[in-house]
């Protein structure tokens, strides 16, 4: 009886890993001075979407290597 449950969890694990691998390159870190940071997603080549984050000129956006 445990085998079908193991198969379901293995399939879920594989699906989550694939989703993270697909979305990962689009996730960015948004830094705004000392101690102020957030996250966002790359929406277009020149546009990052970040929820409730005011971004003055000194804001830096970085992506994972």
PDB file of N, CA and C in Angstrom:
ATOM      1  N   UNK A   1       0.812  -1.195   0.000  1.00  0.00           N
ATOM      2  CA  UNK A   1       0.000   0.000   0.000  1.00  0.00           C
ATOM      3  C   UNK A   1       0.862   1.267   0.000  1.00  0.00           C
ATOM      4  N   UNK A   2       2.055   1.224   0.551  1.00  0.00           N
ATOM      5  CA  UNK A   2       2.910   2.407   0.628  1.00  0.00           C
ATOM      6  C   UNK A   2       3.467   2.800  -0.734  1.00  0.00           C
ATOM      7  N   UNK A   3       3.591   1.878  -1.635  1.00  0.00           N
ATOM      8  CA  UNK A   3       4.194   2.156  -2.941  1.00  0.00           C
ATOM      9  C   UNK A   3       3.455   3.245  -3.732  1.00  0.00           C
ATOM     10  N   UNK A   4       2.117   3.215  -3.865  1.00  0.00           N
ATOM     11  CA  UNK A   4       1.454   4.294  -4.605  1.00  0.00           C
ATOM     12  C   UNK A   4       1.691   5.673  -3.980  1.00  0.00           C
ATOM     13  N   UNK A   5       1.695   5.767  -2.659  1.00  0.00           N
ATOM     14  CA  UNK A   5       1.949   7.049  -2.006  1.00  0.00           C
ATOM     15  C   UNK A   5       3.366   7.529  -2.302  1.00  0.00           C
ATOM     16  N   UNK A   6       4.330   6.622  -2.298  1.00  0.00           N
ATOM     17  CA  UNK A   6       5.706   6.998  -2.611  1.00  0.00           C
ATOM     18  C   UNK A   6       5.802   7.514  -4.039  1.00  0.00           C
ATOM     19  N   UNK A   7       5.075   6.882  -4.954  1.00  0.00           N
ATOM     20  CA  UNK A   7       5.089   7.330  -6.348  1.00  0.00           C
ATOM     21  C   UNK A   7       4.503   8.737  -6.484  1.00  0.00           C
ATOM     22  N   UNK A   8       3.441   9.014  -5.733  1.00  0.00           N
ATOM     23  CA  UNK A   8       2.825  10.342  -5.783  1.00  0.00           C
ATOM     24  C   UNK A   8       3.798  11.393  -5.261  1.00  0.00           C
ATOM     25  N   UNK A   9       4.457  11.111  -4.141  1.00  0.00           N
ATOM     26  CA  UNK A   9       5.399  12.082  -3.580  1.00  0.00           C
ATOM     27  C   UNK A   9       6.627  12.250  -4.471  1.00  0.00           C
ATOM     28  N   UNK A  10       7.065  11.187  -5.108  1.00  0.00           N
ATOM     29  CA  UNK A  10       8.190  11.289  -6.042  1.00  0.00           C
ATOM     30  C   UNK A  10       7.792  12.157  -7.239  1.00  0.00           C
ATOM     31  N   UNK A  11       6.594  11.952  -7.758  1.00  0.00           N
ATOM     32  CA  UNK A  11       6.116  12.757  -8.883  1.00  0.00           C
ATOM     33  C   UNK A  11       5.983  14.225  -8.478  1.00  0.00           C
ATOM     34  N   UNK A  12       5.474  14.476  -7.275  1.00  0.00           N
ATOM     35  CA  UNK A  12       5.358  15.848  -6.780  1.00  0.00           C
ATOM     36  C   UNK A  12       6.735  16.486  -6.640  1.00  0.00           C
ATOM     37  N   UNK A  13       7.687  15.741  -6.100  1.00  0.00           N
ATOM     38  CA  UNK A  13       9.055  16.225  -5.948  1.00  0.00           C
ATOM     39  C   UNK A  13       9.646  16.608  -7.301  1.00  0.00           C
ATOM     40  N   UNK A  14       9.459  15.771  -8.291  1.00  0.00           N
ATOM     41  CA  UNK A  14       9.989  16.037  -9.630  1.00  0.00           C
ATOM     42  C   UNK A  14       9.316  17.260 -10.256  1.00  0.00           C
ATOM     43  N   UNK A  15       8.005  17.383 -10.070  1.00  0.00           N
ATOM     44  CA  UNK A  15       7.277  18.520 -10.635  1.00  0.00           C
ATOM     45  C   UNK A  15       7.707  19.832  -9.976  1.00  0.00           C
ATOM     46  N   UNK A  16       7.881  19.825  -8.654  1.00  0.00           N
ATOM     47  CA  UNK A  16       8.329  21.033  -7.959  1.00  0.00           C
ATOM     48  C   UNK A  16       9.746  21.420  -8.369  1.00  0.00           C
ATOM     49  N   UNK A  17      10.615  20.440  -8.504  1.00  0.00           N
ATOM     50  CA  UNK A  17      11.990  20.719  -8.934  1.00  0.00           C
ATOM     51  C   UNK A  17      12.003  21.330 -10.332  1.00  0.00           C
ATOM     52  N   UNK A  18      11.169  20.830 -11.220  1.00  0.00           N
ATOM     53  CA  UNK A  18      11.091  21.378 -12.576  1.00  0.00           C
ATOM     54  C   UNK A  18      10.547  22.806 -12.560  1.00  0.00           C
ATOM     55  N   UNK A  19       9.548  23.067 -11.725  1.00  0.00           N
ATOM     56  CA  UNK A  19       8.978  24.417 -11.633  1.00  0.00           C
ATOM     57  C   UNK A  19      10.008  25.413 -11.110  1.00  0.00           C
ATOM     58  N   UNK A  20      10.768  25.020 -10.104  1.00  0.00           N
ATOM     59  CA  UNK A  20      11.806  25.895  -9.549  1.00  0.00           C
ATOM     60  C   UNK A  20      12.896  26.147 -10.584  1.00  0.00           C
ATOM     61  N   UNK A  21      13.298  25.117 -11.308  1.00  0.00           N
ATOM     62  CA  UNK A  21      14.334  25.273 -12.331  1.00  0.00           C
ATOM     63  C   UNK A  21      13.869  26.211 -13.447  1.00  0.00           C
ATOM     64  N   UNK A  22      12.597  26.155 -13.780  1.00  0.00           N
ATOM     65  CA  UNK A  22      12.053  27.019 -14.823  1.00  0.00           C
ATOM     66  C   UNK A  22      11.934  28.465 -14.353  1.00  0.00           C
ATOM     67  N   UNK A  23      11.435  28.670 -13.149  1.00  0.00           N
ATOM     68  CA  UNK A  23      11.193  30.024 -12.641  1.00  0.00           C
ATOM     69  C   UNK A  23      12.449  30.697 -12.103  1.00  0.00           C
ATOM     70  N   UNK A  24      13.407  29.927 -11.645  1.00  0.00           N
ATOM     71  CA  UNK A  24      14.598  30.469 -10.996  1.00  0.00           C
ATOM     72  C   UNK A  24      15.299  31.588 -11.733  1.00  0.00           C
ATOM     73  N   UNK A  25      15.558  31.459 -13.028  1.00  0.00           N
ATOM     74  CA  UNK A  25      16.262  32.526 -13.735  1.00  0.00           C
ATOM     75  C   UNK A  25      15.500  33.852 -13.797  1.00  0.00           C
ATOM     76  N   UNK A  26      14.213  33.838 -13.521  1.00  0.00           N
ATOM     77  CA  UNK A  26      13.409  35.060 -13.573  1.00  0.00           C
ATOM     78  C   UNK A  26      13.264  35.748 -12.223  1.00  0.00           C
ATOM     79  N   UNK A  27      13.770  35.144 -11.162  1.00  0.00           N
ATOM     80  CA  UNK A  27      13.651  35.723  -9.823  1.00  0.00           C
ATOM     81  C   UNK A  27      14.862  36.615  -9.568  1.00  0.00           C
ATOM     82  N   UNK A  28      14.614  37.822  -9.076  1.00  0.00           N
ATOM     83  CA  UNK A  28      15.696  38.772  -8.830  1.00  0.00           C
ATOM     84  C   UNK A  28      15.678  39.249  -7.386  1.00  0.00           C
ATOM     85  N   UNK A  29      16.813  39.755  -6.937  1.00  0.00           N
ATOM     86  CA  UNK A  29      16.970  40.376  -5.614  1.00  0.00           C
ATOM     87  C   UNK A  29      17.000  41.882  -5.840  1.00  0.00           C
ATOM     88  N   UNK A  30      16.190  42.608  -5.094  1.00  0.00           N
ATOM     89  CA  UNK A  30      16.130  44.062  -5.210  1.00  0.00           C
ATOM     90  C   UNK A  30      16.673  44.651  -3.913  1.00  0.00           C
ATOM     91  N   UNK A  31      17.774  45.400  -3.998  1.00  0.00           N
ATOM     92  CA  UNK A  31      18.403  45.991  -2.812  1.00  0.00           C
ATOM     93  C   UNK A  31      18.272  47.507  -2.865  1.00  0.00           C
ATOM     94  N   UNK A  32      17.978  48.098  -1.710  1.00  0.00           N
ATOM     95  CA  UNK A  32      17.794  49.551  -1.624  1.00  0.00           C
ATOM     96  C   UNK A  32      18.453  50.047  -0.351  1.00  0.00           C
ATOM     97  N   UNK A  33      19.731  50.238  -0.379  1.00  0.00           N
ATOM     98  CA  UNK A  33      20.436  50.729   0.794  1.00  0.00           C
ATOM     99  C   UNK A  33      20.635  49.639   1.836  1.00  0.00           C
ATOM    100  N   UNK A  34      21.123  50.038   2.988  1.00  0.00           N
ATOM    101  CA  UNK A  34      21.443  49.100   4.064  1.00  0.00           C
ATOM    102  C   UNK A  34      20.177  48.537   4.709  1.00  0.00           C
ATOM    103  N   UNK A  35      20.021  47.225   4.652  1.00  0.00           N
ATOM    104  CA  UNK A  35      18.925  46.560   5.340  1.00  0.00           C
ATOM    105  C   UNK A  35      17.579  46.586   4.648  1.00  0.00           C
ATOM    106  N   UNK A  36      17.483  47.171   3.487  1.00  0.00           N
ATOM    107  CA  UNK A  36      16.216  47.221   2.763  1.00  0.00           C
ATOM    108  C   UNK A  36      16.346  46.385   1.500  1.00  0.00           C
ATOM    109  N   UNK A  37      15.568  45.332   1.412  1.00  0.00           N
ATOM    110  CA  UNK A  37      15.656  44.464   0.246  1.00  0.00           C
ATOM    111  C   UNK A  37      14.308  43.822  -0.024  1.00  0.00           C
ATOM    112  N   UNK A  38      14.179  43.269  -1.194  1.00  0.00           N
ATOM    113  CA  UNK A  38      12.968  42.568  -1.588  1.00  0.00           C
ATOM    114  C   UNK A  38      13.284  41.646  -2.744  1.00  0.00           C
ATOM    115  N   UNK A  39      12.256  41.098  -3.325  1.00  0.00           N
ATOM    116  CA  UNK A  39      12.416  40.230  -4.485  1.00  0.00           C
ATOM    117  C   UNK A  39      11.481  40.699  -5.582  1.00  0.00           C
ATOM    118  N   UNK A  40      11.722  40.210  -6.766  1.00  0.00           N
ATOM    119  CA  UNK A  40      10.873  40.532  -7.900  1.00  0.00           C
ATOM    120  C   UNK A  40      11.040  39.490  -8.976  1.00  0.00           C
ATOM    121  N   UNK A  41      10.336  39.686 -10.072  1.00  0.00           N
ATOM    122  CA  UNK A  41      10.472  38.788 -11.216  1.00  0.00           C
ATOM    123  C   UNK A  41      10.776  39.613 -12.460  1.00  0.00           C
ATOM    124  N   UNK A  42      11.527  39.026 -13.363  1.00  0.00           N
ATOM    125  CA  UNK A  42      11.822  39.662 -14.638  1.00  0.00           C
ATOM    126  C   UNK A  42      10.593  39.481 -15.523  1.00  0.00           C
ATOM    127  N   UNK A  43       9.977  40.594 -15.895  1.00  0.00           N
ATOM    128  CA  UNK A  43       8.765  40.552 -16.715  1.00  0.00           C
ATOM    129  C   UNK A  43       9.117  40.742 -18.186  1.00  0.00           C
ATOM    130  N   UNK A  44      10.138  41.546 -18.444  1.00  0.00           N
ATOM    131  CA  UNK A  44      10.638  41.801 -19.791  1.00  0.00           C
ATOM    132  C   UNK A  44      12.108  42.167 -19.664  1.00  0.00           C
ATOM    133  N   UNK A  45      12.799  42.313 -20.789  1.00  0.00           N
ATOM    134  CA  UNK A  45      14.229  42.630 -20.755  1.00  0.00           C
ATOM    135  C   UNK A  45      14.536  43.886 -19.949  1.00  0.00           C
ATOM    136  N   UNK A  46      13.622  44.843 -19.948  1.00  0.00           N
ATOM    137  CA  UNK A  46      13.867  46.102 -19.243  1.00  0.00           C
ATOM    138  C   UNK A  46      12.842  46.381 -18.146  1.00  0.00           C
ATOM    139  N   UNK A  47      12.202  45.334 -17.609  1.00  0.00           N
ATOM    140  CA  UNK A  47      11.165  45.534 -16.601  1.00  0.00           C
ATOM    141  C   UNK A  47      11.206  44.444 -15.537  1.00  0.00           C
ATOM    142  N   UNK A  48      11.327  44.873 -14.272  1.00  0.00           N
ATOM    143  CA  UNK A  48      11.252  43.966 -13.125  1.00  0.00           C
ATOM    144  C   UNK A  48      10.015  44.341 -12.328  1.00  0.00           C
ATOM    145  N   UNK A  49       9.202  43.357 -11.977  1.00  0.00           N
ATOM    146  CA  UNK A  49       8.005  43.573 -11.170  1.00  0.00           C
ATOM    147  C   UNK A  49       8.339  43.212  -9.729  1.00  0.00           C
ATOM    148  N   UNK A  50       8.055  44.133  -8.809  1.00  0.00           N
ATOM    149  CA  UNK A  50       8.306  43.916  -7.392  1.00  0.00           C
ATOM    150  C   UNK A  50       7.115  44.450  -6.610  1.00  0.00           C
ATOM    151  N   UNK A  51       6.570  43.669  -5.711  1.00  0.00           N
ATOM    152  CA  UNK A  51       5.378  44.061  -4.957  1.00  0.00           C
ATOM    153  C   UNK A  51       5.711  45.088  -3.879  1.00  0.00           C
ATOM    154  N   UNK A  52       4.969  46.182  -3.851  1.00  0.00           N
ATOM    155  CA  UNK A  52       5.052  47.196  -2.786  1.00  0.00           C
ATOM    156  C   UNK A  52       6.477  47.613  -2.470  1.00  0.00           C
ATOM    157  N   UNK A  53       7.227  48.009  -3.457  1.00  0.00           N
ATOM    158  CA  UNK A  53       8.623  48.355  -3.236  1.00  0.00           C
ATOM    159  C   UNK A  53       8.934  49.648  -3.969  1.00  0.00           C
ATOM    160  N   UNK A  54       9.129  50.726  -3.239  1.00  0.00           N
ATOM    161  CA  UNK A  54       9.507  52.005  -3.832  1.00  0.00           C
ATOM    162  C   UNK A  54      10.985  51.947  -4.184  1.00  0.00           C
ATOM    163  N   UNK A  55      11.334  52.277  -5.419  1.00  0.00           N
ATOM    164  CA  UNK A  55      12.709  52.110  -5.863  1.00  0.00           C
ATOM    165  C   UNK A  55      13.335  53.439  -6.282  1.00  0.00           C
ATOM    166  N   UNK A  56      14.057  54.090  -5.383  1.00  0.00           N
ATOM    167  CA  UNK A  56      14.784  55.307  -5.756  1.00  0.00           C
ATOM    168  C   UNK A  56      15.988  54.971  -6.636  1.00  0.00           C
ATOM    169  N   UNK A  57      16.707  55.989  -7.055  1.00  0.00           N
ATOM    170  CA  UNK A  57      17.822  55.803  -7.991  1.00  0.00           C
ATOM    171  C   UNK A  57      18.907  54.863  -7.490  1.00  0.00           C
ATOM    172  N   UNK A  58      19.099  54.742  -6.209  1.00  0.00           N
ATOM    173  CA  UNK A  58      20.196  53.913  -5.695  1.00  0.00           C
ATOM    174  C   UNK A  58      19.845  52.424  -5.602  1.00  0.00           C
ATOM    175  N   UNK A  59      18.730  52.018  -6.138  1.00  0.00           N
ATOM    176  CA  UNK A  59      18.308  50.618  -6.083  1.00  0.00           C
ATOM    177  C   UNK A  59      19.153  49.768  -7.018  1.00  0.00           C
ATOM    178  N   UNK A  60      19.510  48.584  -6.548  1.00  0.00           N
ATOM    179  CA  UNK A  60      20.250  47.616  -7.370  1.00  0.00           C
ATOM    180  C   UNK A  60      19.406  46.364  -7.545  1.00  0.00           C
ATOM    181  N   UNK A  61      19.433  45.808  -8.742  1.00  0.00           N
ATOM    182  CA  UNK A  61      18.712  44.573  -9.032  1.00  0.00           C
ATOM    183  C   UNK A  61      19.737  43.554  -9.489  1.00  0.00           C
ATOM    184  N   UNK A  62      19.697  42.349  -8.906  1.00  0.00           N
ATOM    185  CA  UNK A  62      20.642  41.307  -9.274  1.00  0.00           C
ATOM    186  C   UNK A  62      19.948  39.982  -9.520  1.00  0.00           C
ATOM    187  N   UNK A  63      20.574  39.185 -10.352  1.00  0.00           N
ATOM    188  CA  UNK A  63      20.072  37.841 -10.634  1.00  0.00           C
ATOM    189  C   UNK A  63      21.103  36.822 -10.190  1.00  0.00           C
ATOM    190  N   UNK A  64      20.649  35.615  -9.913  1.00  0.00           N
ATOM    191  CA  UNK A  64      21.562  34.546  -9.505  1.00  0.00           C
ATOM    192  C   UNK A  64      22.433  34.132 -10.683  1.00  0.00           C
ATOM    193  N   UNK A  65      23.626  33.696 -10.387  1.00  0.00           N
ATOM    194  CA  UNK A  65      24.537  33.206 -11.435  1.00  0.00           C
ATOM    195  C   UNK A  65      24.220  31.791 -11.786  1.00  0.00           C
TER     196      UNK A  65
END
